[in-house]
Amino acid sequence: MEQASAVRQPNQGSREIVSVDQETSVAVAAGIMRDNRIGCLVVTGSGGRLVGILSERDIVRRLVVDCASPSDVLVRQIMTTDVACCAVGTQLGTVQAIMTARGIRHLPVVDNGIPVGMISSREVMASHHAIEEGMRDMTIFALAKLAESRDPETGRHLERVRTYAFKLAQDLEGQERFSDQIDAEFLRLIYLTSPLHDVGKVGIPDHVLLKPGRLDDHEFAIMKTHCARGAQTLDLALKRYPQAEFLRMARDIAACHHERVDGRGYPDGKTRDQIPLAARIFSLADIYDALVSRRVYKDAYTHEIARSIVLEGKGTQLDPEVVEAFLHCEQAFRTIRDQYDEARTAA
């Protein structure tokens, strides 16, 4: 039986490649593709240099159309010798342009003519997606840090409330009522976007935002505008990028995290189902954190007192089902609170 080696080359920013010699039979090459679950082989010649590409499409076209036996045909007889390739470090945009222009789905990565990797169109798309996610996360981080810069307490608050909100959403995920709303993406987005809830505070005057005490009615009216300010800012970005779901959730939370299910919240007096689910979840996280945290005008409440206040708000200020989720995971809330208290003490 004919033997041929499938040589795995070092991976240089893409998946490992599998190469064959040009004198290998097509039957053996097809077996290598099957065993490695790949649709394309790099063909190498003297010194391991790239001399061609063999794809499943090449094999099917030659063997099926010409009715040839795969054991009688050598790789060199049907391989593509006009090979497009790219060098290590080539930009993804260039790689994608080459693939589009040539109508190909796989592109060898070479270093001085030696194939060192193989990149597929699927991997290019995945990389673009990862870059977009990275840009999104940087945008969220930058905006959240902007809000934090106006309020020295906000940094720890952001970490706590995003984790509380994630735990609540995680508990609700298992309920049939929310099965069509909460999935892995919802969980990921509520954790990522929760820090943007108070981004509108960057537009609040210092004499109100940084006042060392309770606000009077006029000052409180000014403070309440942070919801609309934040929502308007995020909505402008959403109109520019309507497919950015993270902006949609961030906008919803910023706009509605001070609404109440009984309609007596602000800024719009929305009632239960008029308030986006993410905002209903976040509202409890925000309230709990405000209760157990020290402020210039109050000491931190114990978990037990905060728990009783949360229960009092069930069905009036807070969504009853979110309150039930809180009861299911209140030990996690204690742990999160204690964790960040320890972090603050250590700092």
C-alpha atoms as a PDB file:
ATOM      1  CA  MET A   1       0.000   0.000   0.000  1.00  0.00           C
ATOM      2  CA  GLU A   2       1.274   3.443  -0.843  1.00  0.00           C
ATOM      3  CA  GLN A   3       2.328   5.548   2.141  1.00  0.00           C
ATOM      4  CA  ALA A   4       2.388   9.351   2.307  1.00  0.00           C
ATOM      5  CA  SER A   5       3.173  11.642   5.193  1.00  0.00           C
ATOM      6  CA  ALA A   6       0.861  14.392   6.293  1.00  0.00           C
ATOM      7  CA  VAL A   7       3.298  16.985   7.585  1.00  0.00           C
ATOM      8  CA  ARG A   8       1.909  19.441  10.123  1.00  0.00           C
ATOM      9  CA  GLN A   9       3.699  22.765   9.904  1.00  0.00           C
ATOM     10  CA  PRO A  10       4.001  25.324  12.717  1.00  0.00           C
ATOM     11  CA  ASN A  11       0.914  27.477  13.169  1.00  0.00           C
ATOM     12  CA  GLN A  12       1.619  31.150  12.446  1.00  0.00           C
ATOM     13  CA  GLY A  13      -1.558  32.968  13.420  1.00  0.00           C
ATOM     14  CA  SER A  14      -3.837  30.459  11.716  1.00  0.00           C
ATOM     15  CA  ARG A  15      -4.686  26.805  12.085  1.00  0.00           C
ATOM     16  CA  GLU A  16      -2.025  24.173  11.447  1.00  0.00           C
ATOM     17  CA  ILE A  17      -1.657  23.054   7.874  1.00  0.00           C
ATOM     18  CA  VAL A  18      -1.438  19.573   6.432  1.00  0.00           C
ATOM     19  CA  SER A  19       0.833  19.149   3.431  1.00  0.00           C
ATOM     20  CA  VAL A  20       1.480  16.306   0.993  1.00  0.00           C
ATOM     21  CA  ASP A  21       4.077  15.555  -1.625  1.00  0.00           C
ATOM     22  CA  GLN A  22       3.058  16.116  -5.240  1.00  0.00           C
ATOM     23  CA  GLU A  23       3.768  12.473  -6.067  1.00  0.00           C
ATOM     24  CA  THR A  24       1.147  11.277  -3.584  1.00  0.00           C
ATOM     25  CA  SER A  25      -1.869   9.548  -5.104  1.00  0.00           C
ATOM     26  CA  VAL A  26      -5.201  11.344  -4.966  1.00  0.00           C
ATOM     27  CA  ALA A  27      -6.680   8.365  -3.069  1.00  0.00           C
ATOM     28  CA  VAL A  28      -4.199   8.877  -0.235  1.00  0.00           C
ATOM     29  CA  ALA A  29      -4.662  12.664  -0.316  1.00  0.00           C
ATOM     30  CA  ALA A  30      -8.431  12.252  -0.043  1.00  0.00           C
ATOM     31  CA  GLY A  31      -7.931   9.964   2.954  1.00  0.00           C
ATOM     32  CA  ILE A  32      -5.727  12.574   4.635  1.00  0.00           C
ATOM     33  CA  MET A  33      -8.426  15.208   4.101  1.00  0.00           C
ATOM     34  CA  ARG A  34     -11.025  12.895   5.586  1.00  0.00           C
ATOM     35  CA  ASP A  35      -8.920  11.941   8.606  1.00  0.00           C
ATOM     36  CA  ASN A  36      -8.026  15.577   9.352  1.00  0.00           C
ATOM     37  CA  ARG A  37     -11.501  16.916   8.550  1.00  0.00           C
ATOM     38  CA  ILE A  38     -10.181  19.532   6.160  1.00  0.00           C
ATOM     39  CA  GLY A  39     -11.110  20.512   2.637  1.00  0.00           C
ATOM     40  CA  CYS A  40      -7.740  21.639   1.327  1.00  0.00           C
ATOM     41  CA  LEU A  41      -4.153  20.342   1.268  1.00  0.00           C
ATOM     42  CA  VAL A  42      -0.937  22.249   0.697  1.00  0.00           C
ATOM     43  CA  VAL A  43       1.333  20.515  -1.839  1.00  0.00           C
ATOM     44  CA  THR A  44       5.060  20.909  -1.244  1.00  0.00           C
ATOM     45  CA  GLY A  45       8.056  20.179  -3.401  1.00  0.00           C
ATOM     46  CA  SER A  46      11.822  20.342  -2.979  1.00  0.00           C
ATOM     47  CA  GLY A  47      12.888  21.911   0.291  1.00  0.00           C
ATOM     48  CA  GLY A  48       9.324  21.972   1.522  1.00  0.00           C
ATOM     49  CA  ARG A  49       8.435  24.913  -0.712  1.00  0.00           C
ATOM     50  CA  LEU A  50       4.860  25.535  -1.736  1.00  0.00           C
ATOM     51  CA  VAL A  51       4.109  24.269  -5.263  1.00  0.00           C
ATOM     52  CA  GLY A  52       0.346  23.881  -5.278  1.00  0.00           C
ATOM     53  CA  ILE A  53      -2.993  23.433  -3.571  1.00  0.00           C
ATOM     54  CA  LEU A  54      -5.320  20.438  -3.710  1.00  0.00           C
ATOM     55  CA  SER A  55      -8.947  20.922  -2.677  1.00  0.00           C
ATOM     56  CA  GLU A  56     -11.931  18.612  -2.388  1.00  0.00           C
ATOM     57  CA  ARG A  57     -13.421  20.503  -5.302  1.00  0.00           C
ATOM     58  CA  ASP A  58     -10.392  19.663  -7.464  1.00  0.00           C
ATOM     59  CA  ILE A  59     -10.728  15.986  -6.615  1.00  0.00           C
ATOM     60  CA  VAL A  60     -14.466  15.872  -7.272  1.00  0.00           C
ATOM     61  CA  ARG A  61     -14.150  17.781 -10.529  1.00  0.00           C
ATOM     62  CA  ARG A  62     -11.423  15.471 -11.904  1.00  0.00           C
ATOM     63  CA  LEU A  63     -12.525  12.109 -10.597  1.00  0.00           C
ATOM     64  CA  VAL A  64     -16.275  12.432 -10.931  1.00  0.00           C
ATOM     65  CA  VAL A  65     -16.351  14.292 -14.235  1.00  0.00           C
ATOM     66  CA  ASP A  66     -13.526  12.306 -15.820  1.00  0.00           C
ATOM     67  CA  CYS A  67     -14.546   9.051 -14.130  1.00  0.00           C
ATOM     68  CA  ALA A  68     -10.914   8.437 -13.160  1.00  0.00           C
ATOM     69  CA  SER A  69      -9.774   6.092 -10.400  1.00  0.00           C
ATOM     70  CA  PRO A  70      -8.297   8.029  -7.418  1.00  0.00           C
ATOM     71  CA  SER A  71      -5.555   5.442  -7.005  1.00  0.00           C
ATOM     72  CA  ASP A  72      -4.362   6.003 -10.585  1.00  0.00           C
ATOM     73  CA  VAL A  73      -4.129   9.794 -10.379  1.00  0.00           C
ATOM     74  CA  LEU A  74      -1.287  11.672  -8.699  1.00  0.00           C
ATOM     75  CA  VAL A  75      -1.710  14.925  -6.823  1.00  0.00           C
ATOM     76  CA  ARG A  76       0.492  16.801  -9.301  1.00  0.00           C
ATOM     77  CA  GLN A  77      -1.880  15.902 -12.142  1.00  0.00           C
ATOM     78  CA  ILE A  78      -4.873  17.760 -10.718  1.00  0.00           C
ATOM     79  CA  MET A  79      -3.483  20.231  -8.179  1.00  0.00           C
ATOM     80  CA  THR A  80      -3.785  23.959  -8.680  1.00  0.00           C
ATOM     81  CA  THR A  81      -0.386  25.468  -9.369  1.00  0.00           C
ATOM     82  CA  ASP A  82      -1.504  29.082  -9.726  1.00  0.00           C
ATOM     83  CA  VAL A  83      -1.574  29.505  -5.976  1.00  0.00           C
ATOM     84  CA  ALA A  84      -2.505  32.682  -4.148  1.00  0.00           C
ATOM     85  CA  CYS A  85      -0.801  33.009  -0.785  1.00  0.00           C
ATOM     86  CA  CYS A  86       0.082  35.597   1.806  1.00  0.00           C
ATOM     87  CA  ALA A  87       3.072  36.289   4.002  1.00  0.00           C
ATOM     88  CA  VAL A  88       3.156  36.025   7.768  1.00  0.00           C
ATOM     89  CA  GLY A  89       1.755  39.259   9.234  1.00  0.00           C
ATOM     90  CA  THR A  90      -0.490  40.140   6.281  1.00  0.00           C
ATOM     91  CA  GLN A  91      -3.467  42.259   7.363  1.00  0.00           C
ATOM     92  CA  LEU A  92      -6.839  40.518   7.525  1.00  0.00           C
ATOM     93  CA  GLY A  93      -8.350  43.020   5.110  1.00  0.00           C
ATOM     94  CA  THR A  94      -5.723  42.104   2.502  1.00  0.00           C
ATOM     95  CA  VAL A  95      -6.295  38.398   3.081  1.00  0.00           C
ATOM     96  CA  GLN A  96     -10.033  38.843   2.610  1.00  0.00           C
ATOM     97  CA  ALA A  97      -9.492  40.890  -0.557  1.00  0.00           C
ATOM     98  CA  ILE A  98      -7.269  38.156  -2.046  1.00  0.00           C
ATOM     99  CA  MET A  99      -9.843  35.486  -1.249  1.00  0.00           C
ATOM    100  CA  THR A 100     -12.651  37.537  -2.751  1.00  0.00           C
ATOM    101  CA  ALA A 101     -10.725  38.402  -5.904  1.00  0.00           C
ATOM    102  CA  ARG A 102      -9.652  34.790  -6.487  1.00  0.00           C
ATOM    103  CA  GLY A 103     -12.894  33.176  -5.376  1.00  0.00           C
ATOM    104  CA  ILE A 104     -11.114  30.918  -2.894  1.00  0.00           C
ATOM    105  CA  ARG A 105     -11.856  29.854   0.666  1.00  0.00           C
ATOM    106  CA  HIS A 106      -8.347  28.877   1.836  1.00  0.00           C
ATOM    107  CA  LEU A 107      -5.113  30.834   1.668  1.00  0.00           C
ATOM    108  CA  PRO A 108      -1.666  29.456   2.545  1.00  0.00           C
ATOM    109  CA  VAL A 109       0.543  31.551   4.807  1.00  0.00           C
ATOM    110  CA  VAL A 110       4.182  31.391   3.702  1.00  0.00           C
ATOM    111  CA  ASP A 111       7.535  32.460   5.032  1.00  0.00           C
ATOM    112  CA  ASN A 112      10.194  32.686   2.302  1.00  0.00           C
ATOM    113  CA  GLY A 113       8.205  30.280   0.159  1.00  0.00           C
ATOM    114  CA  ILE A 114       7.746  27.706   2.920  1.00  0.00           C
ATOM    115  CA  PRO A 115       4.112  27.163   3.984  1.00  0.00           C
ATOM    116  CA  VAL A 116       3.764  27.776   7.716  1.00  0.00           C
ATOM    117  CA  GLY A 117      -0.006  28.102   8.071  1.00  0.00           C
ATOM    118  CA  MET A 118      -3.369  28.040   6.364  1.00  0.00           C
ATOM    119  CA  ILE A 119      -6.163  30.528   6.888  1.00  0.00           C
ATOM    120  CA  SER A 120      -9.771  29.972   5.807  1.00  0.00           C
ATOM    121  CA  SER A 121     -12.517  32.448   4.960  1.00  0.00           C
ATOM    122  CA  ARG A 122     -14.354  31.264   8.062  1.00  0.00           C
ATOM    123  CA  GLU A 123     -11.339  32.124  10.208  1.00  0.00           C
ATOM    124  CA  VAL A 124     -11.101  35.545   8.570  1.00  0.00           C
ATOM    125  CA  MET A 125     -14.743  36.232   9.425  1.00  0.00           C
ATOM    126  CA  ALA A 126     -14.219  34.971  12.971  1.00  0.00           C
ATOM    127  CA  SER A 127     -11.191  37.248  13.357  1.00  0.00           C
ATOM    128  CA  HIS A 128     -13.154  40.237  12.088  1.00  0.00           C
ATOM    129  CA  HIS A 129     -15.879  39.400  14.586  1.00  0.00           C
ATOM    130  CA  ALA A 130     -13.333  39.155  17.406  1.00  0.00           C
ATOM    131  CA  ILE A 131     -11.883  42.546  16.430  1.00  0.00           C
ATOM    132  CA  GLU A 132     -15.360  44.080  16.391  1.00  0.00           C
ATOM    133  CA  GLU A 133     -16.055  42.614  19.817  1.00  0.00           C
ATOM    134  CA  GLY A 134     -12.772  44.003  21.080  1.00  0.00           C
ATOM    135  CA  MET A 135     -13.635  47.464  19.753  1.00  0.00           C
ATOM    136  CA  ARG A 136     -17.073  47.201  21.349  1.00  0.00           C
ATOM    137  CA  ASP A 137     -15.588  46.239  24.699  1.00  0.00           C
ATOM    138  CA  MET A 138     -13.080  49.094  24.492  1.00  0.00           C
ATOM    139  CA  THR A 139     -15.914  51.524  23.741  1.00  0.00           C
ATOM    140  CA  ILE A 140     -17.880  50.322  26.749  1.00  0.00           C
ATOM    141  CA  PHE A 141     -14.792  50.515  28.942  1.00  0.00           C
ATOM    142  CA  ALA A 142     -13.940  54.033  27.781  1.00  0.00           C
ATOM    143  CA  LEU A 143     -17.461  55.347  28.340  1.00  0.00           C
ATOM    144  CA  ALA A 144     -17.741  53.659  31.726  1.00  0.00           C
ATOM    145  CA  LYS A 145     -14.383  55.121  32.794  1.00  0.00           C
ATOM    146  CA  LEU A 146     -15.642  58.522  31.686  1.00  0.00           C
ATOM    147  CA  ALA A 147     -18.565  58.206  34.081  1.00  0.00           C
ATOM    148  CA  GLU A 148     -16.246  56.883  36.774  1.00  0.00           C
ATOM    149  CA  SER A 149     -14.000  59.924  36.438  1.00  0.00           C
ATOM    150  CA  ARG A 150     -16.871  62.108  37.659  1.00  0.00           C
ATOM    151  CA  ASP A 151     -17.640  59.967  40.707  1.00  0.00           C
ATOM    152  CA  PRO A 152     -14.870  58.282  42.741  1.00  0.00           C
ATOM    153  CA  GLU A 153     -17.309  55.679  44.125  1.00  0.00           C
ATOM    154  CA  THR A 154     -18.475  54.598  40.667  1.00  0.00           C
ATOM    155  CA  GLY A 155     -15.566  52.251  39.896  1.00  0.00           C
ATOM    156  CA  ARG A 156     -16.337  49.723  42.628  1.00  0.00           C
ATOM    157  CA  HIS A 157     -20.049  50.269  42.053  1.00  0.00           C
ATOM    158  CA  LEU A 158     -19.671  49.329  38.381  1.00  0.00           C
ATOM    159  CA  GLU A 159     -17.980  46.036  39.172  1.00  0.00           C
ATOM    160  CA  ARG A 160     -20.536  45.089  41.796  1.00  0.00           C
ATOM    161  CA  VAL A 161     -23.703  45.942  39.892  1.00  0.00           C
ATOM    162  CA  ARG A 162     -22.621  44.242  36.673  1.00  0.00           C
ATOM    163  CA  THR A 163     -22.001  41.044  38.632  1.00  0.00           C
ATOM    164  CA  TYR A 164     -25.290  41.307  40.555  1.00  0.00           C
ATOM    165  CA  ALA A 165     -27.168  41.835  37.280  1.00  0.00           C
ATOM    166  CA  PHE A 166     -25.452  38.856  35.675  1.00  0.00           C
ATOM    167  CA  LYS A 167     -26.407  36.607  38.614  1.00  0.00           C
ATOM    168  CA  LEU A 168     -30.046  37.700  38.461  1.00  0.00           C
ATOM    169  CA  ALA A 169     -30.248  37.153  34.704  1.00  0.00           C
ATOM    170  CA  GLN A 170     -28.587  33.772  35.096  1.00  0.00           C
ATOM    171  CA  ASP A 171     -31.267  32.705  37.567  1.00  0.00           C
ATOM    172  CA  LEU A 172     -34.097  33.973  35.336  1.00  0.00           C
ATOM    173  CA  GLU A 173     -32.648  32.168  32.328  1.00  0.00           C
ATOM    174  CA  GLY A 174     -33.970  28.875  33.649  1.00  0.00           C
ATOM    175  CA  GLN A 175     -37.574  30.110  33.820  1.00  0.00           C
ATOM    176  CA  GLU A 176     -39.904  29.307  30.940  1.00  0.00           C
ATOM    177  CA  ARG A 177     -41.317  32.846  30.866  1.00  0.00           C
ATOM    178  CA  PHE A 178     -37.918  34.224  29.934  1.00  0.00           C
ATOM    179  CA  SER A 179     -36.668  31.375  27.734  1.00  0.00           C
ATOM    180  CA  ASP A 180     -37.156  33.406  24.548  1.00  0.00           C
ATOM    181  CA  GLN A 181     -35.455  36.503  25.983  1.00  0.00           C
ATOM    182  CA  ILE A 182     -32.499  35.345  28.045  1.00  0.00           C
ATOM    183  CA  ASP A 183     -29.743  33.284  26.448  1.00  0.00           C
ATOM    184  CA  ALA A 184     -25.954  33.217  26.566  1.00  0.00           C
ATOM    185  CA  GLU A 185     -25.762  36.402  24.492  1.00  0.00           C
ATOM    186  CA  PHE A 186     -28.172  38.240  26.818  1.00  0.00           C
ATOM    187  CA  LEU A 187     -26.063  37.206  29.813  1.00  0.00           C
ATOM    188  CA  ARG A 188     -22.894  38.376  28.122  1.00  0.00           C
ATOM    189  CA  LEU A 189     -24.387  41.697  27.089  1.00  0.00           C
ATOM    190  CA  ILE A 190     -25.966  42.555  30.430  1.00  0.00           C
ATOM    191  CA  TYR A 191     -22.586  42.022  32.090  1.00  0.00           C
ATOM    192  CA  LEU A 192     -20.804  44.124  29.463  1.00  0.00           C
ATOM    193  CA  THR A 193     -23.291  46.981  29.207  1.00  0.00           C
ATOM    194  CA  SER A 194     -24.360  47.436  32.837  1.00  0.00           C
ATOM    195  CA  PRO A 195     -21.402  49.765  33.542  1.00  0.00           C
ATOM    196  CA  LEU A 196     -22.910  52.284  31.098  1.00  0.00           C
ATOM    197  CA  HIS A 197     -26.089  52.830  33.134  1.00  0.00           C
ATOM    198  CA  ASP A 198     -24.934  56.159  34.565  1.00  0.00           C
ATOM    199  CA  VAL A 199     -22.985  57.478  31.586  1.00  0.00           C
ATOM    200  CA  GLY A 200     -25.427  60.402  31.458  1.00  0.00           C
ATOM    201  CA  LYS A 201     -23.947  61.706  34.709  1.00  0.00           C
ATOM    202  CA  VAL A 202     -21.075  63.193  32.747  1.00  0.00           C
ATOM    203  CA  GLY A 203     -23.546  65.955  31.824  1.00  0.00           C
ATOM    204  CA  ILE A 204     -24.611  66.675  35.405  1.00  0.00           C
ATOM    205  CA  PRO A 205     -23.064  69.845  36.944  1.00  0.00           C
ATOM    206  CA  ASP A 206     -20.470  69.258  39.651  1.00  0.00           C
ATOM    207  CA  HIS A 207     -22.415  71.187  42.294  1.00  0.00           C
ATOM    208  CA  VAL A 208     -25.165  68.589  41.975  1.00  0.00           C
ATOM    209  CA  LEU A 209     -23.225  65.403  41.180  1.00  0.00           C
ATOM    210  CA  LEU A 210     -20.546  65.942  43.824  1.00  0.00           C
ATOM    211  CA  LYS A 211     -22.663  67.554  46.520  1.00  0.00           C
ATOM    212  CA  PRO A 212     -21.608  66.107  49.919  1.00  0.00           C
ATOM    213  CA  GLY A 213     -25.123  65.439  51.177  1.00  0.00           C
ATOM    214  CA  ARG A 214     -28.737  64.940  50.135  1.00  0.00           C
ATOM    215  CA  LEU A 215     -30.027  66.856  47.138  1.00  0.00           C
ATOM    216  CA  ASP A 216     -32.881  69.345  47.396  1.00  0.00           C
ATOM    217  CA  ASP A 217     -35.864  69.050  45.043  1.00  0.00           C
ATOM    218  CA  HIS A 218     -34.353  71.272  42.368  1.00  0.00           C
ATOM    219  CA  GLU A 219     -31.022  69.466  42.473  1.00  0.00           C
ATOM    220  CA  PHE A 220     -32.728  66.091  42.383  1.00  0.00           C
ATOM    221  CA  ALA A 221     -34.686  67.154  39.298  1.00  0.00           C
ATOM    222  CA  ILE A 222     -31.370  67.952  37.623  1.00  0.00           C
ATOM    223  CA  MET A 223     -29.865  64.651  38.744  1.00  0.00           C
ATOM    224  CA  LYS A 224     -32.792  62.708  37.282  1.00  0.00           C
ATOM    225  CA  THR A 225     -31.944  64.002  33.812  1.00  0.00           C
ATOM    226  CA  HIS A 226     -28.932  61.655  33.712  1.00  0.00           C
ATOM    227  CA  CYS A 227     -31.207  58.858  32.483  1.00  0.00           C
ATOM    228  CA  ALA A 228     -32.353  60.774  29.418  1.00  0.00           C
ATOM    229  CA  ARG A 229     -28.876  62.189  28.799  1.00  0.00           C
ATOM    230  CA  GLY A 230     -27.291  58.758  28.799  1.00  0.00           C
ATOM    231  CA  ALA A 231     -30.048  57.253  26.663  1.00  0.00           C
ATOM    232  CA  GLN A 232     -29.796  60.043  24.096  1.00  0.00           C
ATOM    233  CA  THR A 233     -26.029  59.625  23.805  1.00  0.00           C
ATOM    234  CA  LEU A 234     -26.276  55.867  23.305  1.00  0.00           C
ATOM    235  CA  ASP A 235     -29.262  56.210  20.992  1.00  0.00           C
ATOM    236  CA  LEU A 236     -27.265  58.449  18.659  1.00  0.00           C
ATOM    237  CA  ALA A 237     -24.622  55.714  18.413  1.00  0.00           C
ATOM    238  CA  LEU A 238     -27.335  53.082  17.910  1.00  0.00           C
ATOM    239  CA  LYS A 239     -28.823  55.006  14.996  1.00  0.00           C
ATOM    240  CA  ARG A 240     -25.411  55.032  13.383  1.00  0.00           C
ATOM    241  CA  TYR A 241     -24.842  51.323  14.083  1.00  0.00           C
ATOM    242  CA  PRO A 242     -28.334  49.754  14.270  1.00  0.00           C
ATOM    243  CA  GLN A 243     -26.971  46.192  14.298  1.00  0.00           C
ATOM    244  CA  ALA A 244     -24.989  46.787  17.511  1.00  0.00           C
ATOM    245  CA  GLU A 245     -27.126  44.948  20.057  1.00  0.00           C
ATOM    246  CA  PHE A 246     -24.858  45.995  22.912  1.00  0.00           C
ATOM    247  CA  LEU A 247     -25.784  49.633  22.244  1.00  0.00           C
ATOM    248  CA  ARG A 248     -29.477  48.744  22.305  1.00  0.00           C
ATOM    249  CA  MET A 249     -29.225  47.043  25.701  1.00  0.00           C
ATOM    250  CA  ALA A 250     -26.982  49.790  27.063  1.00  0.00           C
ATOM    251  CA  ARG A 251     -29.511  52.402  25.901  1.00  0.00           C
ATOM    252  CA  ASP A 252     -32.404  50.512  27.489  1.00  0.00           C
ATOM    253  CA  ILE A 253     -30.623  50.195  30.835  1.00  0.00           C
ATOM    254  CA  ALA A 254     -29.472  53.822  30.868  1.00  0.00           C
ATOM    255  CA  ALA A 255     -32.973  55.063  30.004  1.00  0.00           C
ATOM    256  CA  CYS A 256     -35.026  52.853  32.318  1.00  0.00           C
ATOM    257  CA  HIS A 257     -33.035  51.767  35.361  1.00  0.00           C
ATOM    258  CA  HIS A 258     -34.939  54.249  37.545  1.00  0.00           C
ATOM    259  CA  GLU A 259     -38.382  53.298  36.238  1.00  0.00           C
ATOM    260  CA  ARG A 260     -40.718  51.420  38.602  1.00  0.00           C
ATOM    261  CA  VAL A 261     -43.054  48.574  37.715  1.00  0.00           C
ATOM    262  CA  ASP A 262     -45.967  50.507  39.272  1.00  0.00           C
ATOM    263  CA  GLY A 263     -45.379  53.426  36.889  1.00  0.00           C
ATOM    264  CA  ARG A 264     -44.130  55.905  39.517  1.00  0.00           C
ATOM    265  CA  GLY A 265     -40.518  55.946  38.378  1.00  0.00           C
ATOM    266  CA  TYR A 266     -38.650  58.288  36.075  1.00  0.00           C
ATOM    267  CA  PRO A 267     -38.056  59.596  33.466  1.00  0.00           C
ATOM    268  CA  ASP A 268     -41.173  58.326  31.640  1.00  0.00           C
ATOM    269  CA  GLY A 269     -43.337  56.599  34.231  1.00  0.00           C
ATOM    270  CA  LYS A 270     -43.274  53.277  32.402  1.00  0.00           C
ATOM    271  CA  THR A 271     -44.937  50.229  33.935  1.00  0.00           C
ATOM    272  CA  ARG A 272     -43.770  46.641  34.230  1.00  0.00           C
ATOM    273  CA  ASP A 273     -43.659  45.185  30.694  1.00  0.00           C
ATOM    274  CA  GLN A 274     -43.026  48.607  29.168  1.00  0.00           C
ATOM    275  CA  ILE A 275     -39.673  48.544  30.941  1.00  0.00           C
ATOM    276  CA  PRO A 276     -37.071  46.450  29.070  1.00  0.00           C
ATOM    277  CA  LEU A 277     -36.166  43.247  30.887  1.00  0.00           C
ATOM    278  CA  ALA A 278     -32.496  44.193  31.150  1.00  0.00           C
ATOM    279  CA  ALA A 279     -33.468  47.428  32.922  1.00  0.00           C
ATOM    280  CA  ARG A 280     -35.831  45.605  35.315  1.00  0.00           C
ATOM    281  CA  ILE A 281     -33.020  43.244  36.223  1.00  0.00           C
ATOM    282  CA  PHE A 282     -30.457  45.989  36.569  1.00  0.00           C
ATOM    283  CA  SER A 283     -32.770  48.122  38.715  1.00  0.00           C
ATOM    284  CA  LEU A 284     -32.664  45.613  41.560  1.00  0.00           C
ATOM    285  CA  ALA A 285     -28.888  45.250  41.264  1.00  0.00           C
ATOM    286  CA  ASP A 286     -28.484  49.022  41.441  1.00  0.00           C
ATOM    287  CA  ILE A 287     -30.846  49.440  44.389  1.00  0.00           C
ATOM    288  CA  TYR A 288     -29.242  46.648  46.383  1.00  0.00           C
ATOM    289  CA  ASP A 289     -25.783  48.079  45.840  1.00  0.00           C
ATOM    290  CA  ALA A 290     -26.917  51.557  46.894  1.00  0.00           C
ATOM    291  CA  LEU A 291     -28.351  50.084  50.085  1.00  0.00           C
ATOM    292  CA  VAL A 292     -25.305  48.070  51.149  1.00  0.00           C
ATOM    293  CA  SER A 293     -22.816  50.800  50.184  1.00  0.00           C
ATOM    294  CA  ARG A 294     -21.759  53.750  52.298  1.00  0.00           C
ATOM    295  CA  ARG A 295     -22.665  57.202  51.054  1.00  0.00           C
ATOM    296  CA  VAL A 296     -21.792  60.654  52.376  1.00  0.00           C
ATOM    297  CA  TYR A 297     -25.356  60.924  53.677  1.00  0.00           C
ATOM    298  CA  LYS A 298     -25.746  57.369  55.109  1.00  0.00           C
ATOM    299  CA  ASP A 299     -23.892  54.341  56.415  1.00  0.00           C
ATOM    300  CA  ALA A 300     -23.960  51.040  54.569  1.00  0.00           C
ATOM    301  CA  TYR A 301     -26.972  48.875  55.422  1.00  0.00           C
ATOM    302  CA  THR A 302     -26.554  45.238  56.327  1.00  0.00           C
ATOM    303  CA  HIS A 303     -27.603  42.580  53.845  1.00  0.00           C
ATOM    304  CA  GLU A 304     -30.605  41.774  56.048  1.00  0.00           C
ATOM    305  CA  ILE A 305     -31.900  45.355  55.992  1.00  0.00           C
ATOM    306  CA  ALA A 306     -31.264  45.642  52.243  1.00  0.00           C
ATOM    307  CA  ARG A 307     -33.091  42.337  51.729  1.00  0.00           C
ATOM    308  CA  SER A 308     -36.151  43.577  53.622  1.00  0.00           C
ATOM    309  CA  ILE A 309     -36.235  46.811  51.592  1.00  0.00           C
ATOM    310  CA  VAL A 310     -35.974  44.843  48.344  1.00  0.00           C
ATOM    311  CA  LEU A 311     -38.880  42.643  49.458  1.00  0.00           C
ATOM    312  CA  GLU A 312     -40.955  45.711  50.343  1.00  0.00           C
ATOM    313  CA  GLY A 313     -40.453  46.936  46.783  1.00  0.00           C
ATOM    314  CA  LYS A 314     -41.744  43.723  45.207  1.00  0.00           C
ATOM    315  CA  GLY A 315     -44.506  44.556  42.745  1.00  0.00           C
ATOM    316  CA  THR A 316     -44.240  48.313  43.261  1.00  0.00           C
ATOM    317  CA  GLN A 317     -40.695  49.422  42.604  1.00  0.00           C
ATOM    318  CA  LEU A 318     -39.326  46.074  41.484  1.00  0.00           C
ATOM    319  CA  ASP A 319     -40.405  43.284  39.145  1.00  0.00           C
ATOM    320  CA  PRO A 320     -41.706  40.435  41.362  1.00  0.00           C
ATOM    321  CA  GLU A 321     -39.951  37.776  39.304  1.00  0.00           C
ATOM    322  CA  VAL A 322     -36.650  39.604  39.563  1.00  0.00           C
ATOM    323  CA  VAL A 323     -37.130  39.821  43.334  1.00  0.00           C
ATOM    324  CA  GLU A 324     -37.692  36.050  43.415  1.00  0.00           C
ATOM    325  CA  ALA A 325     -34.468  35.596  41.446  1.00  0.00           C
ATOM    326  CA  PHE A 326     -32.722  37.749  44.061  1.00  0.00           C
ATOM    327  CA  LEU A 327     -33.973  35.449  46.821  1.00  0.00           C
ATOM    328  CA  HIS A 328     -32.669  32.441  44.909  1.00  0.00           C
ATOM    329  CA  CYS A 329     -29.160  33.888  44.658  1.00  0.00           C
ATOM    330  CA  GLU A 330     -28.867  36.190  47.663  1.00  0.00           C
ATOM    331  CA  GLN A 331     -25.902  34.224  48.977  1.00  0.00           C
ATOM    332  CA  ALA A 332     -24.100  35.114  45.742  1.00  0.00           C
ATOM    333  CA  PHE A 333     -24.982  38.775  46.426  1.00  0.00           C
ATOM    334  CA  ARG A 334     -23.401  38.503  49.874  1.00  0.00           C
ATOM    335  CA  THR A 335     -20.289  36.965  48.369  1.00  0.00           C
ATOM    336  CA  ILE A 336     -19.980  39.671  45.712  1.00  0.00           C
ATOM    337  CA  ARG A 337     -20.444  42.428  48.289  1.00  0.00           C
ATOM    338  CA  ASP A 338     -17.858  40.892  50.616  1.00  0.00           C
ATOM    339  CA  GLN A 339     -15.439  40.311  47.746  1.00  0.00           C
ATOM    340  CA  TYR A 340     -15.409  43.953  46.739  1.00  0.00           C
ATOM    341  CA  ASP A 341     -15.289  45.103  50.364  1.00  0.00           C
ATOM    342  CA  GLU A 342     -12.136  43.013  50.751  1.00  0.00           C
ATOM    343  CA  ALA A 343     -10.718  44.458  47.521  1.00  0.00           C
ATOM    344  CA  ARG A 344     -11.349  47.990  48.801  1.00  0.00           C
ATOM    345  CA  THR A 345      -9.722  47.220  52.160  1.00  0.00           C
ATOM    346  CA  ALA A 346      -6.692  45.674  50.449  1.00  0.00           C
ATOM    347  CA  ALA A 347      -6.305  48.718  48.240  1.00  0.00           C
END
